[in-house]
């Protein structure tokens, strides 16, 4: 689930498969495209040119799951101004923590990124039951935005 303000932003990617395909047709189309080394997703170059991003974050785990890093980098070279392209390809938790640092440095927030990953302290705690009666966004927003920790819920949401 994305924050409401993110849901209002334009999407710079699109599905290259026709929208009216059934499950078997989707499977066949995905197999065909990936066998040919083609992605099932595409980038909206015109929109990206209008947005003038200074950073594009992509993944390098699966060329069939998104445009390849090479395709994204080639598109970035055609944009003016040229954005930095960062590809994430973590396979382990340690690599994901490294990606936090990579993104923090790319966005000029190296110290904040280091604080998130270099001194992690795991604490278990409970909320007073009254807080759990509030909409989940009320206690979670300050956790994430101001206190630099995140909630973990039990199965079932509590």
C-alpha atoms as a PDB file:
ATOM      1  CA  UNK A   1       0.000   0.000   0.000  1.00  0.00           C
ATOM      2  CA  UNK A   2       1.423   3.349  -1.041  1.00  0.00           C
ATOM      3  CA  UNK A   3       0.891   6.657   0.768  1.00  0.00           C
ATOM      4  CA  UNK A   4      -2.001   8.686  -0.704  1.00  0.00           C
ATOM      5  CA  UNK A   5       0.356  11.365  -2.060  1.00  0.00           C
ATOM      6  CA  UNK A   6       2.298   8.687  -3.969  1.00  0.00           C
ATOM      7  CA  UNK A   7      -0.892   7.321  -5.505  1.00  0.00           C
ATOM      8  CA  UNK A   8      -1.512  10.727  -7.096  1.00  0.00           C
ATOM      9  CA  UNK A   9       1.839  10.775  -8.913  1.00  0.00           C
ATOM     10  CA  UNK A  10       2.065   9.823 -12.589  1.00  0.00           C
ATOM     11  CA  UNK A  11       3.283   6.329 -13.418  1.00  0.00           C
ATOM     12  CA  UNK A  12       6.425   6.292 -15.547  1.00  0.00           C
ATOM     13  CA  UNK A  13       6.148   2.566 -16.274  1.00  0.00           C
ATOM     14  CA  UNK A  14       3.560   0.636 -18.218  1.00  0.00           C
ATOM     15  CA  UNK A  15       2.664  -2.952 -18.974  1.00  0.00           C
ATOM     16  CA  UNK A  16       3.590  -3.980 -22.519  1.00  0.00           C
ATOM     17  CA  UNK A  17       1.104  -6.843 -22.545  1.00  0.00           C
ATOM     18  CA  UNK A  18      -2.449  -6.264 -23.773  1.00  0.00           C
ATOM     19  CA  UNK A  19      -4.857  -5.699 -20.880  1.00  0.00           C
ATOM     20  CA  UNK A  20      -7.450  -8.165 -22.146  1.00  0.00           C
ATOM     21  CA  UNK A  21      -5.345 -11.340 -21.951  1.00  0.00           C
ATOM     22  CA  UNK A  22      -6.524 -14.321 -19.943  1.00  0.00           C
ATOM     23  CA  UNK A  23      -4.244 -16.234 -17.542  1.00  0.00           C
ATOM     24  CA  UNK A  24      -2.970 -18.741 -20.130  1.00  0.00           C
ATOM     25  CA  UNK A  25      -2.374 -15.958 -22.652  1.00  0.00           C
ATOM     26  CA  UNK A  26      -0.486 -13.896 -20.063  1.00  0.00           C
ATOM     27  CA  UNK A  27       1.692 -16.890 -19.255  1.00  0.00           C
ATOM     28  CA  UNK A  28       2.439 -17.477 -22.941  1.00  0.00           C
ATOM     29  CA  UNK A  29       3.162 -13.789 -23.600  1.00  0.00           C
ATOM     30  CA  UNK A  30       5.475 -13.517 -20.590  1.00  0.00           C
ATOM     31  CA  UNK A  31       7.349 -16.667 -21.611  1.00  0.00           C
ATOM     32  CA  UNK A  32       7.680 -15.414 -25.185  1.00  0.00           C
ATOM     33  CA  UNK A  33       8.967 -11.965 -24.180  1.00  0.00           C
ATOM     34  CA  UNK A  34      11.391 -13.238 -21.551  1.00  0.00           C
ATOM     35  CA  UNK A  35      12.741 -15.918 -23.919  1.00  0.00           C
ATOM     36  CA  UNK A  36      13.419 -13.114 -26.397  1.00  0.00           C
ATOM     37  CA  UNK A  37      15.170 -11.085 -23.670  1.00  0.00           C
ATOM     38  CA  UNK A  38      12.382  -8.505 -23.626  1.00  0.00           C
ATOM     39  CA  UNK A  39      10.716  -6.986 -20.599  1.00  0.00           C
ATOM     40  CA  UNK A  40       6.979  -7.103 -20.031  1.00  0.00           C
ATOM     41  CA  UNK A  41       7.169  -3.522 -18.751  1.00  0.00           C
ATOM     42  CA  UNK A  42       8.212  -0.303 -20.428  1.00  0.00           C
ATOM     43  CA  UNK A  43       9.216   3.202 -19.449  1.00  0.00           C
ATOM     44  CA  UNK A  44       7.381   6.338 -20.524  1.00  0.00           C
ATOM     45  CA  UNK A  45      10.301   8.326 -21.941  1.00  0.00           C
ATOM     46  CA  UNK A  46       8.171  11.360 -22.769  1.00  0.00           C
ATOM     47  CA  UNK A  47       6.837  11.569 -19.206  1.00  0.00           C
ATOM     48  CA  UNK A  48      10.320  11.128 -17.740  1.00  0.00           C
ATOM     49  CA  UNK A  49      11.591  13.944 -19.964  1.00  0.00           C
ATOM     50  CA  UNK A  50       8.810  16.187 -18.627  1.00  0.00           C
ATOM     51  CA  UNK A  51       9.483  15.202 -15.004  1.00  0.00           C
ATOM     52  CA  UNK A  52      13.244  15.865 -15.309  1.00  0.00           C
ATOM     53  CA  UNK A  53      14.246  13.426 -12.538  1.00  0.00           C
ATOM     54  CA  UNK A  54      17.697  13.776 -11.029  1.00  0.00           C
ATOM     55  CA  UNK A  55      17.666  10.131  -9.898  1.00  0.00           C
ATOM     56  CA  UNK A  56      16.109   6.980 -11.340  1.00  0.00           C
ATOM     57  CA  UNK A  57      16.082   3.903  -9.105  1.00  0.00           C
ATOM     58  CA  UNK A  58      15.672   0.561 -10.824  1.00  0.00           C
ATOM     59  CA  UNK A  59      16.368  -3.078 -10.085  1.00  0.00           C
ATOM     60  CA  UNK A  60      18.926  -5.385 -11.619  1.00  0.00           C
ATOM     61  CA  UNK A  61      17.582  -8.716 -10.401  1.00  0.00           C
ATOM     62  CA  UNK A  62      15.342  -9.670 -13.294  1.00  0.00           C
ATOM     63  CA  UNK A  63      15.402  -8.211 -16.802  1.00  0.00           C
ATOM     64  CA  UNK A  64      11.981  -9.721 -17.492  1.00  0.00           C
ATOM     65  CA  UNK A  65      10.440  -8.132 -14.394  1.00  0.00           C
ATOM     66  CA  UNK A  66      11.357  -4.577 -15.363  1.00  0.00           C
ATOM     67  CA  UNK A  67      13.359  -2.867 -18.044  1.00  0.00           C
ATOM     68  CA  UNK A  68      16.976  -3.952 -17.844  1.00  0.00           C
ATOM     69  CA  UNK A  69      19.497  -1.675 -16.181  1.00  0.00           C
ATOM     70  CA  UNK A  70      21.130  -1.155 -19.597  1.00  0.00           C
ATOM     71  CA  UNK A  71      17.791  -0.027 -21.099  1.00  0.00           C
ATOM     72  CA  UNK A  72      17.137   2.343 -18.186  1.00  0.00           C
ATOM     73  CA  UNK A  73      20.668   3.747 -18.374  1.00  0.00           C
ATOM     74  CA  UNK A  74      20.333   4.256 -22.148  1.00  0.00           C
ATOM     75  CA  UNK A  75      17.052   6.100 -21.639  1.00  0.00           C
ATOM     76  CA  UNK A  76      18.663   8.258 -18.932  1.00  0.00           C
ATOM     77  CA  UNK A  77      21.458   9.230 -21.334  1.00  0.00           C
ATOM     78  CA  UNK A  78      18.824  10.532 -23.778  1.00  0.00           C
ATOM     79  CA  UNK A  79      17.234  12.774 -21.131  1.00  0.00           C
ATOM     80  CA  UNK A  80      18.278  16.368 -20.604  1.00  0.00           C
ATOM     81  CA  UNK A  81      19.363  16.859 -17.912  1.00  0.00           C
ATOM     82  CA  UNK A  82      20.736  13.343 -17.465  1.00  0.00           C
ATOM     83  CA  UNK A  83      19.644  11.738 -14.203  1.00  0.00           C
ATOM     84  CA  UNK A  84      21.795   9.448 -12.108  1.00  0.00           C
ATOM     85  CA  UNK A  85      20.672   5.796 -12.387  1.00  0.00           C
ATOM     86  CA  UNK A  86      20.982   3.486  -9.405  1.00  0.00           C
ATOM     87  CA  UNK A  87      20.237  -0.222  -9.763  1.00  0.00           C
ATOM     88  CA  UNK A  88      19.445  -2.308  -6.710  1.00  0.00           C
ATOM     89  CA  UNK A  89      20.046  -6.047  -6.849  1.00  0.00           C
ATOM     90  CA  UNK A  90      20.055  -7.303  -3.286  1.00  0.00           C
ATOM     91  CA  UNK A  91      19.689 -11.010  -2.601  1.00  0.00           C
ATOM     92  CA  UNK A  92      20.214 -10.970   1.166  1.00  0.00           C
ATOM     93  CA  UNK A  93      19.233  -8.822   4.121  1.00  0.00           C
ATOM     94  CA  UNK A  94      22.827  -7.577   4.318  1.00  0.00           C
ATOM     95  CA  UNK A  95      22.692  -6.496   0.682  1.00  0.00           C
ATOM     96  CA  UNK A  96      19.357  -4.765   1.298  1.00  0.00           C
ATOM     97  CA  UNK A  97      20.915  -2.831   4.158  1.00  0.00           C
ATOM     98  CA  UNK A  98      23.707  -1.901   1.745  1.00  0.00           C
ATOM     99  CA  UNK A  99      21.075  -0.668  -0.708  1.00  0.00           C
ATOM    100  CA  UNK A 100      19.732   1.652   2.004  1.00  0.00           C
ATOM    101  CA  UNK A 101      23.187   3.220   2.133  1.00  0.00           C
ATOM    102  CA  UNK A 102      23.377   3.412  -1.641  1.00  0.00           C
ATOM    103  CA  UNK A 103      20.048   5.236  -1.844  1.00  0.00           C
ATOM    104  CA  UNK A 104      20.915   7.467   1.092  1.00  0.00           C
ATOM    105  CA  UNK A 105      24.147   8.574  -0.592  1.00  0.00           C
ATOM    106  CA  UNK A 106      22.412   9.041  -3.966  1.00  0.00           C
ATOM    107  CA  UNK A 107      19.844  11.344  -2.356  1.00  0.00           C
ATOM    108  CA  UNK A 108      22.325  13.306  -0.240  1.00  0.00           C
ATOM    109  CA  UNK A 109      21.198  11.671   3.007  1.00  0.00           C
ATOM    110  CA  UNK A 110      24.227   9.509   3.809  1.00  0.00           C
ATOM    111  CA  UNK A 111      24.150  10.218   7.553  1.00  0.00           C
ATOM    112  CA  UNK A 112      20.472   9.320   7.833  1.00  0.00           C
ATOM    113  CA  UNK A 113      21.069   6.115   5.865  1.00  0.00           C
ATOM    114  CA  UNK A 114      23.983   5.176   8.083  1.00  0.00           C
ATOM    115  CA  UNK A 115      21.890   5.795  11.183  1.00  0.00           C
ATOM    116  CA  UNK A 116      19.280   3.389   9.863  1.00  0.00           C
ATOM    117  CA  UNK A 117      21.612   0.514   9.105  1.00  0.00           C
ATOM    118  CA  UNK A 118      24.819   0.866  11.094  1.00  0.00           C
ATOM    119  CA  UNK A 119      23.360   1.082  14.567  1.00  0.00           C
ATOM    120  CA  UNK A 120      20.214  -1.009  14.411  1.00  0.00           C
ATOM    121  CA  UNK A 121      18.804  -1.972  17.768  1.00  0.00           C
ATOM    122  CA  UNK A 122      15.924  -4.422  17.848  1.00  0.00           C
ATOM    123  CA  UNK A 123      13.449  -3.778  20.619  1.00  0.00           C
ATOM    124  CA  UNK A 124      10.207  -5.564  21.296  1.00  0.00           C
ATOM    125  CA  UNK A 125       7.420  -3.677  22.960  1.00  0.00           C
ATOM    126  CA  UNK A 126       3.710  -3.271  23.253  1.00  0.00           C
ATOM    127  CA  UNK A 127       1.340  -0.368  22.935  1.00  0.00           C
ATOM    128  CA  UNK A 128      -1.249   0.482  25.479  1.00  0.00           C
ATOM    129  CA  UNK A 129      -4.411  -1.135  24.098  1.00  0.00           C
ATOM    130  CA  UNK A 130      -5.993   2.330  23.714  1.00  0.00           C
ATOM    131  CA  UNK A 131      -3.520   3.141  20.930  1.00  0.00           C
ATOM    132  CA  UNK A 132      -4.601   0.049  19.027  1.00  0.00           C
ATOM    133  CA  UNK A 133      -8.130   1.438  18.840  1.00  0.00           C
ATOM    134  CA  UNK A 134      -6.855   4.334  16.722  1.00  0.00           C
ATOM    135  CA  UNK A 135      -6.613   4.048  12.944  1.00  0.00           C
ATOM    136  CA  UNK A 136      -3.271   2.296  12.231  1.00  0.00           C
ATOM    137  CA  UNK A 137      -1.896   5.381  10.458  1.00  0.00           C
ATOM    138  CA  UNK A 138      -2.026   7.440  13.681  1.00  0.00           C
ATOM    139  CA  UNK A 139       0.666   5.574  15.662  1.00  0.00           C
ATOM    140  CA  UNK A 140       2.581   4.370  12.584  1.00  0.00           C
ATOM    141  CA  UNK A 141       3.209   7.774  10.943  1.00  0.00           C
ATOM    142  CA  UNK A 142       5.312   9.200  13.793  1.00  0.00           C
ATOM    143  CA  UNK A 143       7.192   5.907  14.102  1.00  0.00           C
ATOM    144  CA  UNK A 144       8.310   6.007  10.497  1.00  0.00           C
ATOM    145  CA  UNK A 145       8.563   9.753   9.933  1.00  0.00           C
ATOM    146  CA  UNK A 146      10.043  11.029  13.181  1.00  0.00           C
ATOM    147  CA  UNK A 147      11.303   8.196  15.353  1.00  0.00           C
ATOM    148  CA  UNK A 148      13.055   6.128  12.648  1.00  0.00           C
ATOM    149  CA  UNK A 149      11.592   2.777  13.460  1.00  0.00           C
ATOM    150  CA  UNK A 150       8.894   0.670  11.936  1.00  0.00           C
ATOM    151  CA  UNK A 151       5.981  -1.355  13.210  1.00  0.00           C
ATOM    152  CA  UNK A 152       5.798  -5.110  13.076  1.00  0.00           C
ATOM    153  CA  UNK A 153       2.377  -6.636  13.470  1.00  0.00           C
ATOM    154  CA  UNK A 154       1.345 -10.076  14.500  1.00  0.00           C
ATOM    155  CA  UNK A 155      -0.557 -12.186  11.955  1.00  0.00           C
ATOM    156  CA  UNK A 156      -4.093 -10.878  12.039  1.00  0.00           C
ATOM    157  CA  UNK A 157      -2.964  -7.267  12.193  1.00  0.00           C
ATOM    158  CA  UNK A 158      -2.617  -6.548  15.909  1.00  0.00           C
END
